[in-house]
Amino acid sequence: MSGYKTHLTAYVIAAAAVYYFLFRAGLKAEVGVKDLIGGGVGVVYTLAPDIDSRTSRIRRFFNLGSASAVAASTTAYLISGDVRYACAALALSALTAGMWLTRHRGAFHQPIAGALMSAPLALIDPLYAGMGFLGYGVHLALDGRLLGRARV
């Protein structure tokens, strides 16, 4: 079982290798802001499969972020009376509560989950989707889950 530092290190090495080959093939001339944002997306996505683990760092960030968003949505509802804020708070609360029902190395540790989580990023920029999927794939490869259901 590898920890988050191992996942991050492996992702950085994999991303550097991808960029090395892009430079060598002449497909990339320089690294810009978009590439750095894509790298950040990959960092988040390399931790994302562990969101179903109650003790993981990404889960703690998720819980903190969702609690903050629920508090902000509830406050906005109380101030404005707009029902959409109440619906957002309820939906996010349900999602957060649903996370308690997930099993570690279950649905989130599958390649299809990485594809489904990365695909919407292609609407913003295909690079972000690619780097996100790379990060997710690196995590699954380290956990032995990329090509099958290995016991780790």
Protein backbone atom coordinates (compact mmCIF):
# COMPACT_ATOMS: atom_id res chain seq x y z
CA MET A 1 0.00 0.00 0.00
CA SER A 2 1.56 3.25 -1.10
CA GLY A 3 0.98 6.58 0.59
CA TYR A 4 0.10 9.93 -0.89
CA LYS A 5 3.76 10.97 -1.18
CA THR A 6 4.49 7.92 -3.32
CA HIS A 7 1.49 8.69 -5.54
CA LEU A 8 2.57 12.32 -5.93
CA THR A 9 6.18 11.40 -6.70
CA ALA A 10 5.14 8.82 -9.29
CA TYR A 11 2.78 11.32 -10.93
CA VAL A 12 5.49 13.98 -11.17
CA ILE A 13 7.84 11.44 -12.78
CA ALA A 14 5.12 10.29 -15.21
CA ALA A 15 4.16 13.87 -16.15
CA ALA A 16 7.82 14.78 -16.66
CA ALA A 17 8.24 11.72 -18.91
CA VAL A 18 5.18 12.69 -20.97
CA TYR A 19 6.47 16.23 -21.43
CA TYR A 20 9.95 14.95 -22.25
CA PHE A 21 8.56 12.81 -25.07
CA LEU A 22 6.36 15.66 -26.31
CA PHE A 23 9.41 17.93 -26.50
CA ARG A 24 11.53 15.26 -28.19
CA ALA A 25 8.80 14.60 -30.76
CA GLY A 26 8.50 18.31 -31.50
CA LEU A 27 4.86 18.43 -30.39
CA LYS A 28 5.56 20.88 -27.58
CA ALA A 29 7.82 23.91 -27.74
CA GLU A 30 7.46 25.44 -24.28
CA VAL A 31 5.67 25.06 -20.97
CA GLY A 32 3.03 27.67 -20.27
CA VAL A 33 0.49 28.53 -17.60
CA LYS A 34 -1.98 26.07 -19.09
CA ASP A 35 0.55 23.27 -18.63
CA LEU A 36 1.12 24.24 -15.00
CA ILE A 37 -2.63 24.23 -14.36
CA GLY A 38 -2.82 20.82 -16.04
CA GLY A 39 -0.06 19.62 -13.73
CA GLY A 40 -2.06 20.83 -10.74
CA VAL A 41 -5.12 19.00 -12.02
CA GLY A 42 -3.04 15.85 -12.28
CA VAL A 43 -1.82 16.26 -8.70
CA VAL A 44 -5.41 16.43 -7.45
CA TYR A 45 -6.46 13.50 -9.62
CA THR A 46 -3.57 11.32 -8.46
CA LEU A 47 -5.00 11.64 -4.95
CA ALA A 48 -8.67 11.42 -6.02
CA PRO A 49 -9.10 7.61 -5.95
CA ASP A 50 -8.50 7.66 -2.20
CA ILE A 51 -11.49 9.94 -1.60
CA ASP A 52 -13.32 6.82 -0.40
CA SER A 53 -10.80 6.31 2.42
CA ARG A 54 -11.93 8.05 5.60
CA THR A 55 -8.34 8.86 6.63
CA SER A 56 -6.97 10.15 3.32
CA ARG A 57 -5.85 13.72 2.80
CA ILE A 58 -8.08 14.22 -0.22
CA ARG A 59 -11.08 13.08 1.84
CA ARG A 60 -10.23 15.60 4.57
CA PHE A 61 -9.99 18.38 1.97
CA PHE A 62 -13.28 17.21 0.43
CA ASN A 63 -15.05 17.22 3.80
CA LEU A 64 -13.71 20.67 4.65
CA GLY A 65 -14.63 22.06 1.23
CA SER A 66 -18.11 20.56 1.24
CA ALA A 67 -18.79 21.77 4.78
CA SER A 68 -17.70 25.26 3.75
CA ALA A 69 -19.85 25.15 0.62
CA VAL A 70 -22.89 23.91 2.57
CA ALA A 71 -22.42 26.72 5.11
CA ALA A 72 -22.07 29.31 2.33
CA SER A 73 -25.10 27.98 0.43
CA THR A 74 -27.22 27.89 3.57
CA THR A 75 -26.20 31.44 4.46
CA ALA A 76 -26.97 32.60 0.91
CA TYR A 77 -30.38 30.92 1.12
CA LEU A 78 -31.18 32.56 4.45
CA ILE A 79 -30.15 35.99 3.15
CA SER A 80 -31.66 35.84 -0.35
CA GLY A 81 -34.45 33.30 0.03
CA ASP A 82 -33.40 31.74 -3.30
CA VAL A 83 -34.35 28.06 -3.17
CA ARG A 84 -31.48 27.09 -5.49
CA TYR A 85 -29.02 27.75 -2.66
CA ALA A 86 -30.99 25.44 -0.35
CA CYS A 87 -31.05 22.75 -3.07
CA ALA A 88 -27.30 23.08 -3.55
CA ALA A 89 -26.73 22.75 0.20
CA LEU A 90 -28.97 19.67 0.39
CA ALA A 91 -27.37 18.02 -2.65
CA LEU A 92 -23.86 18.58 -1.34
CA SER A 93 -24.88 17.32 2.10
CA ALA A 94 -26.31 14.16 0.50
CA LEU A 95 -23.12 13.65 -1.53
CA THR A 96 -20.98 14.06 1.57
CA ALA A 97 -23.18 11.66 3.55
CA GLY A 98 -23.04 9.20 0.65
CA MET A 99 -19.26 9.14 0.90
CA TRP A 100 -19.64 7.29 4.22
CA LEU A 101 -21.22 4.40 2.31
CA THR A 102 -18.29 3.90 -0.05
CA ARG A 103 -15.77 1.13 0.41
CA HIS A 104 -12.07 1.87 0.05
CA ARG A 105 -10.66 0.48 -3.20
CA GLY A 106 -14.17 0.06 -4.51
CA ALA A 107 -15.80 2.05 -7.30
CA PHE A 108 -13.28 4.90 -7.16
CA HIS A 109 -10.38 2.51 -7.79
CA GLN A 110 -11.49 1.63 -11.32
CA PRO A 111 -10.21 3.07 -14.63
CA ILE A 112 -13.78 3.92 -15.66
CA ALA A 113 -14.09 6.20 -12.61
CA GLY A 114 -10.96 8.03 -13.73
CA ALA A 115 -12.37 8.42 -17.23
CA LEU A 116 -15.72 9.66 -15.92
CA MET A 117 -14.07 12.14 -13.58
CA SER A 118 -11.62 13.38 -16.22
CA ALA A 119 -14.00 13.66 -19.17
CA PRO A 120 -15.80 16.85 -18.06
CA LEU A 121 -12.43 18.62 -17.91
CA ALA A 122 -12.15 18.16 -21.69
CA LEU A 123 -14.89 20.77 -22.01
CA ILE A 124 -12.48 23.28 -20.47
CA ASP A 125 -9.31 22.02 -22.12
CA PRO A 126 -8.33 18.54 -23.36
CA LEU A 127 -4.93 18.96 -21.70
CA TYR A 128 -6.61 19.14 -18.29
CA ALA A 129 -8.56 15.95 -18.98
CA GLY A 130 -5.39 14.19 -20.13
CA MET A 131 -3.34 15.24 -17.14
CA GLY A 132 -6.21 14.35 -14.81
CA PHE A 133 -6.51 10.89 -16.31
CA LEU A 134 -2.73 10.47 -16.18
CA GLY A 135 -2.77 11.27 -12.46
CA TYR A 136 -5.67 8.92 -11.84
CA GLY A 137 -4.00 6.18 -13.86
CA VAL A 138 -0.71 6.54 -11.99
CA HIS A 139 -2.56 6.07 -8.71
CA LEU A 140 -4.35 2.97 -10.00
CA ALA A 141 -1.11 1.54 -11.40
CA LEU A 142 0.65 1.93 -8.05
CA ASP A 143 -2.27 0.27 -6.29
CA GLY A 144 -2.28 -2.58 -8.82
CA ARG A 145 -5.76 -1.68 -10.06
CA LEU A 146 -5.08 -0.26 -13.51
CA LEU A 147 -5.63 -3.44 -15.51
CA GLY A 148 -7.54 -5.59 -13.07
CA ARG A 149 -8.76 -6.16 -9.56
CA ALA A 150 -5.49 -7.02 -7.83
CA ARG A 151 -5.51 -7.49 -4.08
CA VAL A 152 -3.34 -4.86 -2.41
